Amino acid sequence: MGGLRSRVLPWVLLYELASVAGAEWRGLSSSEREKLTRLVAKSRGWPANLSRRERAEVKRIVGKLDLHRVAREIVPKVVGRGR
C-alpha cells in the first residue's frame, strides 16, 4: 500500500498547486492574463528577449499575484511528505 501512496501523492500535490496557482491566475483581469501570456511566449523564457518596457509590464502583472500565499499553502505539504 505504501507504494501506491508514494505514486499518488505527487499527483495530489500537483493538483493542489494547480488549484492554488489557478486561483491567483483568475485574480488577474482577462487583459492582464492575455498580456502576460503573450509576453512570456515572446520571451521564450529569456527576459532579454523583451524590451525594457515589456519586462516592466511582466513585473507589474506578476507583482499582483500572491506567490507567498501559494508557497504558504504548498510548501508545508511538500516538506511534510517525508514524515
Protein backbone atom coordinates (compact mmCIF):
# COMPACT_ATOMS: atom_id res chain seq x y z
CA MET A 1 0.00 0.00 0.00
CA GLY A 2 2.90 2.39 0.69
CA GLY A 3 3.99 2.09 -2.93
CA LEU A 4 0.61 3.22 -4.18
CA ARG A 5 0.60 6.16 -1.78
CA SER A 6 4.06 7.28 -2.93
CA ARG A 7 2.86 7.28 -6.55
CA VAL A 8 -0.43 9.06 -5.85
CA LEU A 9 0.89 11.75 -3.51
CA PRO A 10 2.84 13.74 -6.14
CA TRP A 11 -0.34 13.96 -8.24
CA VAL A 12 -2.28 15.21 -5.25
CA LEU A 13 0.36 17.89 -4.65
CA LEU A 14 0.32 18.88 -8.31
CA TYR A 15 -3.47 19.18 -8.16
CA GLU A 16 -3.26 21.38 -5.06
CA LEU A 17 -0.55 23.54 -6.64
CA ALA A 18 -2.64 23.96 -9.78
CA SER A 19 -5.68 24.82 -7.69
CA VAL A 20 -3.90 27.49 -5.62
CA ALA A 21 -1.98 28.91 -8.59
CA GLY A 22 -5.14 28.89 -10.69
CA ALA A 23 -6.94 30.98 -8.10
CA GLU A 24 -4.17 33.57 -8.31
CA TRP A 25 -4.24 33.47 -12.13
CA ARG A 26 -8.01 34.01 -12.17
CA GLY A 27 -7.46 37.00 -9.88
CA LEU A 28 -5.87 38.84 -12.80
CA SER A 29 -8.08 40.60 -15.32
CA SER A 30 -8.53 38.85 -18.67
CA SER A 31 -6.45 41.54 -20.38
CA GLU A 32 -3.62 41.03 -17.87
CA ARG A 33 -3.73 37.27 -18.38
CA GLU A 34 -3.62 37.73 -22.16
CA LYS A 35 -0.79 40.25 -21.97
CA LEU A 36 1.29 38.12 -19.57
CA THR A 37 0.75 35.02 -21.70
CA ARG A 38 1.82 36.90 -24.84
CA LEU A 39 4.91 38.39 -23.19
CA VAL A 40 6.05 35.09 -21.66
CA ALA A 41 5.62 33.38 -25.05
CA LYS A 42 7.54 36.19 -26.76
CA SER A 43 10.37 35.95 -24.23
CA ARG A 44 10.71 32.18 -24.76
CA GLY A 45 11.95 32.07 -21.18
CA TRP A 46 14.59 34.75 -21.63
CA PRO A 47 13.81 38.22 -20.23
CA ALA A 48 16.43 39.69 -22.57
CA ASN A 49 14.07 38.86 -25.47
CA LEU A 50 11.73 41.57 -24.17
CA SER A 51 12.14 45.32 -24.26
CA ARG A 52 12.70 47.19 -21.02
CA ARG A 53 9.07 48.35 -21.11
CA GLU A 54 7.81 44.77 -21.65
CA ARG A 55 9.92 43.47 -18.75
CA ALA A 56 8.46 46.19 -16.54
CA GLU A 57 4.96 45.13 -17.61
CA VAL A 58 5.69 41.50 -16.72
CA LYS A 59 6.95 42.60 -13.29
CA ARG A 60 3.88 44.75 -12.75
CA ILE A 61 1.47 41.93 -13.58
CA VAL A 62 3.38 39.23 -11.69
CA GLY A 63 3.54 41.60 -8.72
CA LYS A 64 -0.24 41.34 -8.48
CA LEU A 65 0.00 37.58 -7.88
CA ASP A 66 0.22 36.49 -4.25
CA LEU A 67 3.03 33.98 -4.73
CA HIS A 68 3.70 33.99 -0.99
CA ARG A 69 0.21 32.59 -0.44
CA VAL A 70 0.90 29.85 -2.97
CA ALA A 71 4.12 28.97 -1.15
CA ARG A 72 2.46 29.10 2.30
CA GLU A 73 -0.17 26.62 1.17
CA ILE A 74 2.04 24.21 -0.78
CA VAL A 75 5.44 24.12 0.95
CA PRO A 76 4.20 22.62 4.25
CA LYS A 77 2.61 19.77 2.30
CA VAL A 78 5.79 19.08 0.38
CA VAL A 79 8.04 19.33 3.45
CA GLY A 80 5.65 17.16 5.46
CA ARG A 81 5.79 14.37 2.84
CA GLY A 82 8.94 12.82 4.27
CA ARG A 83 7.37 12.20 7.68
